[in-house]
């Protein structure tokens, strides 16, 4: 498959709290459990309205049970938080230092950061970047998925540049790479054909302790890219963070 590189680049029970904020209980899942989905299929749109540098409102739908505060949505060159002061991106689609990295907490409050340093890894299509300031605890950093969790056929969360979540499955894991497929039994509302501009958007495992970072998109269709559960990938990321200064 071709890299998802733009043409100009090289490379239910619910109650509502104050101001309409959802008070749904966060999802805690066993492997393969999709019981959190609504009876009537619906797109996984994340925001009711989104303002990059101002207050934004998360939708009160099935996605509200998942914590996506650690993904920066203000630029298609997506950055995903792995520690309070560090993000990962697709190496072929890096956000430059003069473009802000915006995060929104669950209350919709914006948190602006900038990239202070970037290191491209020699494994996978991954770049690690240090932010100029760490983020507060209200913005979630994601743990890496464990290799033992990434079983073939397991449902996973896919994100994309339209700020929408979809549900695919693991089709294959090979060393530092992972490939996804569609879930035939699920309505097409839950599928995404990844296209140019979706590079670097994260995929997640649904785990009992929340979302775990599984991959960042490199190719189109149902998706494929580096596997963050691979020990060599994790070691390279930690080495890059140490080099840039913890």
Protein backbone atom coordinates (compact mmCIF):
# COMPACT_ATOMS: atom_id res chain seq x y z
CA UNK A 1 0.00 0.00 0.00
CA UNK A 2 0.99 3.59 -0.49
CA UNK A 3 1.98 5.84 2.38
CA UNK A 4 -0.77 8.16 3.56
CA UNK A 5 1.18 11.26 2.53
CA UNK A 6 -0.55 14.42 1.29
CA UNK A 7 0.33 15.59 -2.21
CA UNK A 8 2.25 18.60 -0.92
CA UNK A 9 4.29 16.53 1.57
CA UNK A 10 7.15 14.22 1.22
CA UNK A 11 6.48 11.91 3.08
CA UNK A 12 -26.06 3.37 28.01
CA UNK A 13 -27.25 4.51 30.67
CA UNK A 14 -26.27 8.11 30.78
CA UNK A 15 -26.70 11.19 32.89
CA UNK A 16 -25.41 14.62 32.02
CA UNK A 17 -23.45 16.88 34.31
CA UNK A 18 -22.87 20.64 34.18
CA UNK A 19 -22.91 22.28 30.76
CA UNK A 20 -24.12 19.07 29.17
CA UNK A 21 -20.96 17.12 29.97
CA UNK A 22 -21.35 13.37 29.88
CA UNK A 23 -21.11 11.44 33.13
CA UNK A 24 -21.00 8.04 31.48
CA UNK A 25 -18.92 5.45 33.27
CA UNK A 26 -15.63 4.90 31.37
CA UNK A 27 -15.44 1.71 29.37
CA UNK A 28 -13.75 -1.24 31.05
CA UNK A 29 -13.61 -4.14 28.63
CA UNK A 30 -12.71 -7.74 28.40
CA UNK A 31 -11.15 -8.82 25.13
CA UNK A 32 -13.69 -8.72 22.29
CA UNK A 33 -16.45 -7.05 24.32
CA UNK A 34 -18.31 -4.47 22.20
CA UNK A 35 -21.29 -4.13 24.50
CA UNK A 36 -20.70 -0.38 24.87
CA UNK A 37 -21.96 0.26 21.33
CA UNK A 38 -25.49 1.69 20.97
CA UNK A 39 -28.40 -0.42 19.72
CA UNK A 40 -28.67 1.78 16.64
CA UNK A 41 -25.34 2.09 14.77
CA UNK A 42 -23.86 5.58 14.73
CA UNK A 43 -20.67 7.25 13.56
CA UNK A 44 -18.06 7.76 16.24
CA UNK A 45 -17.81 11.55 15.91
CA UNK A 46 -15.81 12.92 18.84
CA UNK A 47 -16.87 16.56 19.03
CA UNK A 48 -20.17 18.42 18.97
CA UNK A 49 -18.07 21.43 18.07
CA UNK A 50 -14.31 21.85 17.89
CA UNK A 51 -12.30 25.07 18.24
CA UNK A 52 -8.54 24.44 18.10
CA UNK A 53 -7.54 27.18 20.54
CA UNK A 54 -10.81 27.66 22.41
CA UNK A 55 -13.38 25.68 24.34
CA UNK A 56 -14.64 22.60 22.51
CA UNK A 57 -17.48 20.24 23.32
CA UNK A 58 -17.11 16.47 23.22
CA UNK A 59 -20.12 14.54 21.95
CA UNK A 60 -22.26 12.61 24.40
CA UNK A 61 -22.28 9.42 22.34
CA UNK A 62 -20.53 6.05 22.59
CA UNK A 63 -17.14 7.71 22.12
CA UNK A 64 -17.60 9.75 25.30
CA UNK A 65 -16.79 6.62 27.32
CA UNK A 66 -13.26 6.66 25.86
CA UNK A 67 -10.58 9.16 26.88
CA UNK A 68 -9.21 10.79 23.72
CA UNK A 69 -7.82 13.89 25.46
CA UNK A 70 -4.26 12.74 24.71
CA UNK A 71 -4.64 13.11 20.94
CA UNK A 72 -3.93 16.47 19.32
CA UNK A 73 -6.67 17.06 16.72
CA UNK A 74 -5.89 20.59 15.49
CA UNK A 75 -3.68 19.48 12.57
CA UNK A 76 -3.86 16.44 10.30
CA UNK A 77 -0.24 15.71 11.29
CA UNK A 78 -1.57 14.03 14.39
CA UNK A 79 0.40 13.80 17.64
CA UNK A 80 -0.41 11.31 20.43
CA UNK A 81 0.67 11.73 24.04
CA UNK A 82 2.81 8.92 25.55
CA UNK A 83 4.10 10.87 28.57
CA UNK A 84 3.17 14.32 29.96
CA UNK A 85 5.85 15.96 27.82
CA UNK A 86 6.22 13.60 24.83
CA UNK A 87 4.22 12.67 21.74
CA UNK A 88 4.58 10.24 18.84
CA UNK A 89 3.80 10.93 15.19
CA UNK A 90 4.25 9.29 11.80
CA UNK A 91 7.86 9.87 10.73
CA UNK A 92 6.76 10.69 7.19
CA UNK A 93 4.19 13.24 8.41
CA UNK A 94 5.76 15.29 11.21
CA UNK A 95 4.16 18.39 12.66
CA UNK A 96 6.62 21.30 12.47
CA UNK A 97 7.70 23.27 15.51
CA UNK A 98 5.84 26.42 14.43
CA UNK A 99 2.44 24.66 14.49
CA UNK A 100 0.87 24.41 17.93
CA UNK A 101 -0.02 21.05 19.44
CA UNK A 102 -3.47 21.52 20.97
CA UNK A 103 -5.14 19.18 23.44
CA UNK A 104 -8.59 19.45 25.01
CA UNK A 105 -9.41 17.97 28.40
CA UNK A 106 -12.75 16.31 29.15
CA UNK A 107 -14.26 19.66 30.07
CA UNK A 108 -13.28 20.96 26.63
CA UNK A 109 -10.58 23.32 27.91
CA UNK A 110 -7.70 23.86 25.46
CA UNK A 111 -4.04 23.22 26.34
CA UNK A 112 -1.50 24.62 23.90
CA UNK A 113 2.00 23.21 23.51
CA UNK A 114 4.78 23.41 20.92
CA UNK A 115 7.32 20.87 19.74
CA UNK A 116 10.75 21.61 21.19
CA UNK A 117 12.68 18.69 19.67
CA UNK A 118 11.99 15.75 17.38
CA UNK A 119 13.79 12.47 16.76
CA UNK A 120 12.98 10.02 13.96
CA UNK A 121 13.43 6.39 14.98
CA UNK A 122 15.32 3.77 13.02
CA UNK A 123 12.48 1.30 13.58
CA UNK A 124 8.97 1.72 12.21
CA UNK A 125 7.45 4.88 10.76
CA UNK A 126 7.74 6.76 14.07
CA UNK A 127 8.92 10.16 15.22
CA UNK A 128 9.09 11.08 18.92
CA UNK A 129 8.78 14.73 19.90
CA UNK A 130 9.39 16.58 23.15
CA UNK A 131 6.91 19.32 24.05
CA UNK A 132 8.11 22.64 25.40
CA UNK A 133 6.09 22.07 28.60
CA UNK A 134 4.51 18.94 30.12
CA UNK A 135 0.72 18.66 30.11
CA UNK A 136 -1.47 18.49 33.23
CA UNK A 137 -3.01 15.27 34.50
CA UNK A 138 -6.34 16.18 32.88
CA UNK A 139 -4.80 15.29 29.50
CA UNK A 140 -4.21 11.56 29.18
CA UNK A 141 -0.89 9.98 28.14
CA UNK A 142 -1.37 6.46 26.76
CA UNK A 143 0.52 3.40 27.82
CA UNK A 144 1.91 1.12 25.13
CA UNK A 145 -0.10 -1.97 24.32
CA UNK A 146 1.52 -5.20 25.47
CA UNK A 147 2.50 -7.78 22.87
CA UNK A 148 0.40 -10.37 24.71
CA UNK A 149 -2.71 -8.19 24.30
CA UNK A 150 -2.46 -7.91 20.52
CA UNK A 151 -4.20 -11.12 19.53
CA UNK A 152 -5.41 -11.66 15.97
CA UNK A 153 -9.13 -10.92 15.64
CA UNK A 154 -9.26 -8.59 18.63
CA UNK A 155 -11.41 -5.46 18.07
CA UNK A 156 -9.55 -2.16 18.19
CA UNK A 157 -10.28 1.56 18.00
CA UNK A 158 -9.18 3.44 14.89
CA UNK A 159 -8.98 7.25 14.73
CA UNK A 160 -8.68 9.52 11.70
CA UNK A 161 -8.28 13.13 10.56
CA UNK A 162 -12.05 13.73 10.63
CA UNK A 163 -12.01 13.39 14.46
CA UNK A 164 -13.99 10.16 14.21
CA UNK A 165 -13.48 6.77 15.84
CA UNK A 166 -14.07 3.48 14.06
CA UNK A 167 -13.86 -0.17 15.08
CA UNK A 168 -11.57 -2.52 13.17
CA UNK A 169 -9.73 -5.68 14.23
CA UNK A 170 -6.17 -7.00 14.34
CA UNK A 171 -5.44 -9.10 11.27
CA UNK A 172 -1.71 -9.72 11.70
CA UNK A 173 1.26 -8.83 13.91
CA UNK A 174 4.81 -9.31 12.66
CA UNK A 175 7.66 -7.97 14.77
CA UNK A 176 7.51 -4.17 14.69
CA UNK A 177 4.51 -4.06 12.32
CA UNK A 178 0.77 -4.54 12.71
CA UNK A 179 -2.03 -4.81 10.16
CA UNK A 180 -5.77 -4.32 10.64
CA UNK A 181 -8.95 -5.50 8.94
CA UNK A 182 -12.65 -4.74 9.08
CA UNK A 183 -15.14 -6.54 11.32
CA UNK A 184 -17.71 -8.00 8.90
CA UNK A 185 -20.40 -8.33 11.56
CA UNK A 186 -20.34 -4.62 12.40
CA UNK A 187 -22.38 -2.00 10.56
CA UNK A 188 -20.45 0.06 8.00
CA UNK A 189 -20.87 3.13 10.25
CA UNK A 190 -18.02 1.69 12.30
CA UNK A 191 -15.57 1.31 9.40
CA UNK A 192 -13.05 3.76 8.01
CA UNK A 193 -11.19 3.55 4.73
CA UNK A 194 -7.99 5.35 5.75
CA UNK A 195 -6.82 7.86 3.17
CA UNK A 196 -4.15 10.52 2.58
CA UNK A 197 -3.97 12.73 5.68
CA UNK A 198 -4.81 9.97 8.16
CA UNK A 199 -1.14 9.12 8.71
CA UNK A 200 -0.03 9.18 12.31
CA UNK A 201 -3.52 8.94 13.75
CA UNK A 202 -3.45 6.42 16.59
CA UNK A 203 -5.08 3.03 16.97
CA UNK A 204 -5.89 1.70 20.42
CA UNK A 205 -6.67 -1.50 22.24
CA UNK A 206 -9.74 -1.46 24.45
CA UNK A 207 -8.31 -2.74 27.73
CA UNK A 208 -9.73 -3.03 31.27
CA UNK A 209 -7.53 -0.09 32.35
CA UNK A 210 -8.53 2.12 29.41
CA UNK A 211 -7.04 2.75 25.98
CA UNK A 212 -3.58 1.40 25.18
CA UNK A 213 -1.61 2.71 22.19
CA UNK A 214 -1.37 0.01 19.55
CA UNK A 215 -0.19 1.78 16.40
CA UNK A 216 -0.04 4.95 14.32
CA UNK A 217 -1.28 4.70 10.75
CA UNK A 218 1.17 4.42 7.88
CA UNK A 219 -0.97 2.90 5.11
CA UNK A 220 -4.53 3.14 3.85
CA UNK A 221 -7.57 0.89 3.76
CA UNK A 222 -8.32 -0.68 7.16
CA UNK A 223 -4.87 0.43 8.36
CA UNK A 224 -1.35 -0.76 9.14
CA UNK A 225 1.76 0.66 10.71
CA UNK A 226 4.30 0.31 13.52
CA UNK A 227 3.36 -1.91 16.44
CA UNK A 228 3.89 -0.19 19.77
CA UNK A 229 3.70 -3.48 21.63
CA UNK A 230 6.98 -4.61 20.09
CA UNK A 231 9.87 -4.49 22.61
CA UNK A 232 12.26 -3.05 19.99
CA UNK A 233 9.83 -0.21 19.23
CA UNK A 234 9.34 0.56 22.91
CA UNK A 235 13.08 0.54 23.56
CA UNK A 236 13.73 2.90 20.64
CA UNK A 237 11.05 5.32 21.87
CA UNK A 238 12.42 5.35 25.41
CA UNK A 239 15.95 5.87 24.10
CA UNK A 240 14.77 8.85 22.02
CA UNK A 241 13.03 10.36 25.04
CA UNK A 242 16.17 9.95 27.13
CA UNK A 243 18.28 11.56 24.44
CA UNK A 244 15.98 14.59 24.27
CA UNK A 245 15.91 14.85 28.05
CA UNK A 246 13.32 13.42 30.42
